Amino acid sequence: MATIDQNTIKHVAQLANIPITPSETESLTHDFIKTLEVVNQLQKISVQDVTTTHQVTNLKNVLRDDEINHAKMLTQEQALANAKNTHQGYFVVPRILTK
């Protein structure tokens, strides 16, 4: 296992362009070491007889089919009926991007 020290933490913070204080460096060093200890414990666990889990909820596809519901459709005139501004069958809205 690689050694995690304050220099390593400072280097990672510099690579990520994250400013950290000396107290944060010390705290993060301790936290990284604890995290790596947990990862090492997990790596020691035998998972040879464990079945791969692909899906845990037993839900099937919860999305509806993409079908057109003509009963809920508006005509172009109905869709534009309450628009403040229209032009040749389109909504006209204020420009939000400038040069």
N, C-alpha and C. Protein backbone atom coordinates (compact mmCIF):
# COMPACT_ATOMS: atom_id res chain seq x y z
N MET A 1 0.84 -1.19 0.00
CA MET A 1 0.00 0.00 0.00
C MET A 1 0.88 1.25 0.00
N ALA A 2 0.49 2.22 -0.79
CA ALA A 2 1.24 3.47 -0.85
C ALA A 2 1.05 4.24 0.44
N THR A 3 2.08 4.96 0.82
CA THR A 3 2.01 5.76 2.04
C THR A 3 1.34 7.09 1.74
N ILE A 4 0.39 7.43 2.57
CA ILE A 4 -0.30 8.72 2.44
C ILE A 4 0.25 9.63 3.52
N ASP A 5 0.86 10.72 3.09
CA ASP A 5 1.34 11.70 4.06
C ASP A 5 0.84 13.08 3.63
N GLN A 6 1.21 14.08 4.39
CA GLN A 6 0.71 15.43 4.09
C GLN A 6 1.21 15.93 2.74
N ASN A 7 2.38 15.51 2.33
CA ASN A 7 2.88 15.93 1.01
C ASN A 7 2.02 15.36 -0.10
N THR A 8 1.57 14.11 0.08
CA THR A 8 0.69 13.49 -0.91
C THR A 8 -0.63 14.25 -0.99
N ILE A 9 -1.18 14.60 0.16
CA ILE A 9 -2.44 15.34 0.21
C ILE A 9 -2.28 16.70 -0.46
N LYS A 10 -1.19 17.37 -0.18
CA LYS A 10 -0.94 18.68 -0.80
C LYS A 10 -0.82 18.55 -2.32
N HIS A 11 -0.15 17.49 -2.75
CA HIS A 11 0.03 17.26 -4.18
C HIS A 11 -1.32 17.00 -4.87
N VAL A 12 -2.14 16.15 -4.26
CA VAL A 12 -3.47 15.86 -4.83
C VAL A 12 -4.32 17.13 -4.86
N ALA A 13 -4.27 17.91 -3.80
CA ALA A 13 -5.03 19.16 -3.76
C ALA A 13 -4.55 20.12 -4.84
N GLN A 14 -3.25 20.15 -5.07
CA GLN A 14 -2.70 21.02 -6.12
C GLN A 14 -3.15 20.54 -7.50
N LEU A 15 -3.13 19.22 -7.72
CA LEU A 15 -3.59 18.67 -9.00
C LEU A 15 -5.07 18.99 -9.25
N ALA A 16 -5.86 18.96 -8.17
CA ALA A 16 -7.29 19.24 -8.29
C ALA A 16 -7.58 20.73 -8.23
N ASN A 17 -6.54 21.54 -8.03
CA ASN A 17 -6.68 22.99 -7.93
C ASN A 17 -7.64 23.37 -6.80
N ILE A 18 -7.45 22.70 -5.65
CA ILE A 18 -8.27 22.97 -4.47
C ILE A 18 -7.35 23.53 -3.38
N PRO A 19 -7.58 24.76 -2.98
CA PRO A 19 -6.75 25.31 -1.90
C PRO A 19 -7.15 24.68 -0.55
N ILE A 20 -6.15 24.22 0.22
CA ILE A 20 -6.45 23.66 1.54
C ILE A 20 -5.50 24.27 2.56
N THR A 21 -6.01 24.39 3.78
CA THR A 21 -5.22 24.95 4.88
C THR A 21 -4.38 23.84 5.51
N PRO A 22 -3.39 24.20 6.32
CA PRO A 22 -2.59 23.18 7.01
C PRO A 22 -3.45 22.26 7.90
N SER A 23 -4.45 22.81 8.55
CA SER A 23 -5.31 21.95 9.39
C SER A 23 -6.13 21.00 8.53
N GLU A 24 -6.58 21.46 7.36
CA GLU A 24 -7.30 20.59 6.44
C GLU A 24 -6.38 19.50 5.90
N THR A 25 -5.12 19.85 5.67
CA THR A 25 -4.15 18.87 5.19
C THR A 25 -4.00 17.74 6.20
N GLU A 26 -3.88 18.11 7.44
CA GLU A 26 -3.73 17.11 8.50
C GLU A 26 -4.98 16.24 8.63
N SER A 27 -6.13 16.87 8.60
CA SER A 27 -7.40 16.13 8.69
C SER A 27 -7.59 15.21 7.50
N LEU A 28 -7.31 15.71 6.30
CA LEU A 28 -7.47 14.90 5.09
C LEU A 28 -6.49 13.73 5.07
N THR A 29 -5.29 13.93 5.59
CA THR A 29 -4.32 12.84 5.66
C THR A 29 -4.87 11.71 6.50
N HIS A 30 -5.39 12.05 7.66
CA HIS A 30 -5.99 11.06 8.56
C HIS A 30 -7.18 10.37 7.87
N ASP A 31 -8.03 11.14 7.22
CA ASP A 31 -9.22 10.57 6.56
C ASP A 31 -8.84 9.65 5.39
N PHE A 32 -7.84 10.04 4.61
CA PHE A 32 -7.39 9.19 3.51
C PHE A 32 -6.85 7.87 4.03
N ILE A 33 -6.07 7.92 5.09
CA ILE A 33 -5.52 6.69 5.68
C ILE A 33 -6.63 5.78 6.14
N LYS A 34 -7.64 6.35 6.83
CA LYS A 34 -8.78 5.54 7.29
C LYS A 34 -9.53 4.93 6.11
N THR A 35 -9.72 5.70 5.06
CA THR A 35 -10.43 5.20 3.88
C THR A 35 -9.66 4.06 3.23
N LEU A 36 -8.37 4.21 3.10
CA LEU A 36 -7.56 3.16 2.49
C LEU A 36 -7.53 1.90 3.35
N GLU A 37 -7.59 2.06 4.67
CA GLU A 37 -7.67 0.90 5.56
C GLU A 37 -8.95 0.12 5.31
N VAL A 38 -10.06 0.83 5.14
CA VAL A 38 -11.34 0.17 4.85
C VAL A 38 -11.28 -0.53 3.50
N VAL A 39 -10.70 0.12 2.50
CA VAL A 39 -10.58 -0.49 1.17
C VAL A 39 -9.73 -1.76 1.27
N ASN A 40 -8.65 -1.72 2.03
CA ASN A 40 -7.81 -2.91 2.20
C ASN A 40 -8.57 -4.04 2.86
N GLN A 41 -9.42 -3.71 3.84
CA GLN A 41 -10.24 -4.74 4.48
C GLN A 41 -11.22 -5.34 3.48
N LEU A 42 -11.81 -4.51 2.65
CA LEU A 42 -12.75 -5.00 1.65
C LEU A 42 -12.06 -5.89 0.63
N GLN A 43 -10.84 -5.58 0.28
CA GLN A 43 -10.10 -6.39 -0.69
C GLN A 43 -9.78 -7.78 -0.15
N LYS A 44 -9.72 -7.93 1.16
CA LYS A 44 -9.41 -9.22 1.77
C LYS A 44 -10.62 -10.16 1.83
N ILE A 45 -11.82 -9.63 1.64
CA ILE A 45 -13.03 -10.43 1.72
C ILE A 45 -13.15 -11.30 0.48
N SER A 46 -13.45 -12.58 0.70
CA SER A 46 -13.63 -13.50 -0.42
C SER A 46 -15.04 -13.34 -0.98
N VAL A 47 -15.13 -13.04 -2.25
CA VAL A 47 -16.42 -12.88 -2.91
C VAL A 47 -16.59 -13.90 -4.03
N GLN A 48 -15.79 -14.96 -3.95
CA GLN A 48 -15.78 -15.96 -5.00
C GLN A 48 -17.14 -16.64 -5.16
N ASP A 49 -17.85 -16.91 -4.07
CA ASP A 49 -19.12 -17.62 -4.13
C ASP A 49 -20.33 -16.68 -4.12
N VAL A 50 -20.11 -15.39 -4.25
CA VAL A 50 -21.19 -14.42 -4.23
C VAL A 50 -21.69 -14.19 -5.65
N THR A 51 -23.00 -14.30 -5.82
CA THR A 51 -23.59 -14.07 -7.13
C THR A 51 -23.57 -12.58 -7.45
N THR A 52 -23.25 -12.25 -8.67
CA THR A 52 -23.22 -10.85 -9.09
C THR A 52 -24.62 -10.25 -9.01
N THR A 53 -24.71 -9.06 -8.45
CA THR A 53 -25.98 -8.37 -8.34
C THR A 53 -26.05 -7.31 -9.42
N HIS A 54 -27.03 -7.45 -10.29
CA HIS A 54 -27.20 -6.46 -11.35
C HIS A 54 -28.32 -5.49 -11.04
N GLN A 55 -29.29 -5.96 -10.26
CA GLN A 55 -30.49 -5.17 -10.01
C GLN A 55 -31.05 -5.60 -8.66
N VAL A 56 -31.29 -4.66 -7.76
CA VAL A 56 -31.69 -5.02 -6.40
C VAL A 56 -33.15 -4.74 -6.09
N THR A 57 -33.86 -4.04 -6.95
CA THR A 57 -35.24 -3.67 -6.63
C THR A 57 -36.28 -4.58 -7.25
N ASN A 58 -35.86 -5.42 -8.19
CA ASN A 58 -36.78 -6.29 -8.93
C ASN A 58 -37.79 -5.51 -9.76
N LEU A 59 -37.53 -4.24 -9.98
CA LEU A 59 -38.41 -3.45 -10.82
C LEU A 59 -38.07 -3.68 -12.28
N LYS A 60 -39.07 -3.68 -13.07
CA LYS A 60 -38.85 -3.73 -14.51
C LYS A 60 -38.78 -2.29 -15.00
N ASN A 61 -38.81 -2.09 -16.29
CA ASN A 61 -38.75 -0.75 -16.85
C ASN A 61 -39.95 0.06 -16.33
N VAL A 62 -39.67 1.14 -15.60
CA VAL A 62 -40.74 1.94 -15.02
C VAL A 62 -41.15 3.09 -15.93
N LEU A 63 -40.58 3.16 -17.11
CA LEU A 63 -40.95 4.22 -18.04
C LEU A 63 -42.12 3.77 -18.90
N ARG A 64 -42.94 4.69 -19.26
CA ARG A 64 -44.07 4.36 -20.12
C ARG A 64 -43.61 4.30 -21.57
N ASP A 65 -44.40 3.63 -22.40
CA ASP A 65 -44.09 3.62 -23.82
C ASP A 65 -44.25 5.03 -24.38
N ASP A 66 -43.45 5.38 -25.35
CA ASP A 66 -43.49 6.69 -25.97
C ASP A 66 -44.55 6.67 -27.07
N GLU A 67 -45.78 6.90 -26.64
CA GLU A 67 -46.90 6.87 -27.58
C GLU A 67 -47.57 8.24 -27.62
N ILE A 68 -48.08 8.61 -28.76
CA ILE A 68 -48.79 9.88 -28.92
C ILE A 68 -50.20 9.71 -28.40
N ASN A 69 -50.62 10.62 -27.52
CA ASN A 69 -51.98 10.62 -27.00
C ASN A 69 -52.71 11.77 -27.69
N HIS A 70 -53.45 11.47 -28.72
CA HIS A 70 -54.12 12.51 -29.50
C HIS A 70 -55.15 13.28 -28.68
N ALA A 71 -55.71 12.66 -27.64
CA ALA A 71 -56.71 13.32 -26.80
C ALA A 71 -56.10 14.49 -26.02
N LYS A 72 -54.80 14.44 -25.77
CA LYS A 72 -54.14 15.49 -24.98
C LYS A 72 -53.37 16.48 -25.86
N MET A 73 -53.46 16.32 -27.16
CA MET A 73 -52.72 17.21 -28.06
C MET A 73 -53.47 18.52 -28.29
N LEU A 74 -52.72 19.58 -28.46
CA LEU A 74 -53.29 20.88 -28.81
C LEU A 74 -52.99 21.17 -30.28
N THR A 75 -53.88 21.89 -30.89
CA THR A 75 -53.57 22.37 -32.23
C THR A 75 -52.57 23.52 -32.09
N GLN A 76 -51.97 23.92 -33.19
CA GLN A 76 -51.01 25.02 -33.12
C GLN A 76 -51.71 26.29 -32.65
N GLU A 77 -52.92 26.51 -33.11
CA GLU A 77 -53.66 27.71 -32.70
C GLU A 77 -53.96 27.68 -31.20
N GLN A 78 -54.34 26.50 -30.66
CA GLN A 78 -54.62 26.39 -29.23
C GLN A 78 -53.35 26.62 -28.41
N ALA A 79 -52.24 26.08 -28.86
CA ALA A 79 -50.98 26.23 -28.14
C ALA A 79 -50.53 27.69 -28.09
N LEU A 80 -50.79 28.42 -29.17
CA LEU A 80 -50.35 29.82 -29.25
C LEU A 80 -51.39 30.81 -28.74
N ALA A 81 -52.57 30.33 -28.36
CA ALA A 81 -53.69 31.21 -28.03
C ALA A 81 -53.37 32.22 -26.94
N ASN A 82 -52.63 31.85 -25.91
CA ASN A 82 -52.35 32.77 -24.80
C ASN A 82 -50.95 33.37 -24.84
N ALA A 83 -50.24 33.17 -25.93
CA ALA A 83 -48.89 33.70 -26.05
C ALA A 83 -48.93 35.21 -26.21
N LYS A 84 -48.02 35.89 -25.53
CA LYS A 84 -47.93 37.35 -25.65
C LYS A 84 -47.48 37.76 -27.04
N ASN A 85 -46.55 36.99 -27.60
CA ASN A 85 -45.93 37.35 -28.87
C ASN A 85 -45.78 36.10 -29.73
N THR A 86 -46.23 36.19 -30.97
CA THR A 86 -46.04 35.08 -31.92
C THR A 86 -45.61 35.65 -33.26
N HIS A 87 -45.02 34.78 -34.07
CA HIS A 87 -44.61 35.18 -35.41
C HIS A 87 -44.64 33.94 -36.28
N GLN A 88 -45.47 33.94 -37.29
CA GLN A 88 -45.60 32.87 -38.27
C GLN A 88 -45.73 31.49 -37.61
N GLY A 89 -46.58 31.42 -36.57
CA GLY A 89 -46.86 30.14 -35.93
C GLY A 89 -45.87 29.72 -34.86
N TYR A 90 -45.00 30.61 -34.43
CA TYR A 90 -44.01 30.30 -33.40
C TYR A 90 -44.17 31.24 -32.22
N PHE A 91 -43.74 30.78 -31.03
CA PHE A 91 -43.64 31.66 -29.87
C PHE A 91 -42.47 32.60 -30.08
N VAL A 92 -42.63 33.85 -29.69
CA VAL A 92 -41.54 34.81 -29.72
C VAL A 92 -41.24 35.18 -28.27
N VAL A 93 -39.98 35.01 -27.88
CA VAL A 93 -39.56 35.31 -26.52
C VAL A 93 -38.38 36.27 -26.55
N PRO A 94 -38.14 36.99 -25.47
CA PRO A 94 -37.00 37.92 -25.45
C PRO A 94 -35.67 37.16 -25.59
N ARG A 95 -34.75 37.77 -26.29
CA ARG A 95 -33.43 37.19 -26.45
C ARG A 95 -32.69 37.25 -25.11
N ILE A 96 -32.04 36.15 -24.72
CA ILE A 96 -31.31 36.14 -23.46
C ILE A 96 -29.80 36.07 -23.66
N LEU A 97 -29.37 35.75 -24.87
CA LEU A 97 -27.93 35.71 -25.16
C LEU A 97 -27.56 36.95 -25.94
N THR A 98 -26.45 37.55 -25.57
CA THR A 98 -26.00 38.75 -26.27
C THR A 98 -24.61 38.49 -26.83
N LYS A 99 -24.22 39.35 -27.73
CA LYS A 99 -22.90 39.20 -28.33
C LYS A 99 -21.83 39.77 -27.43
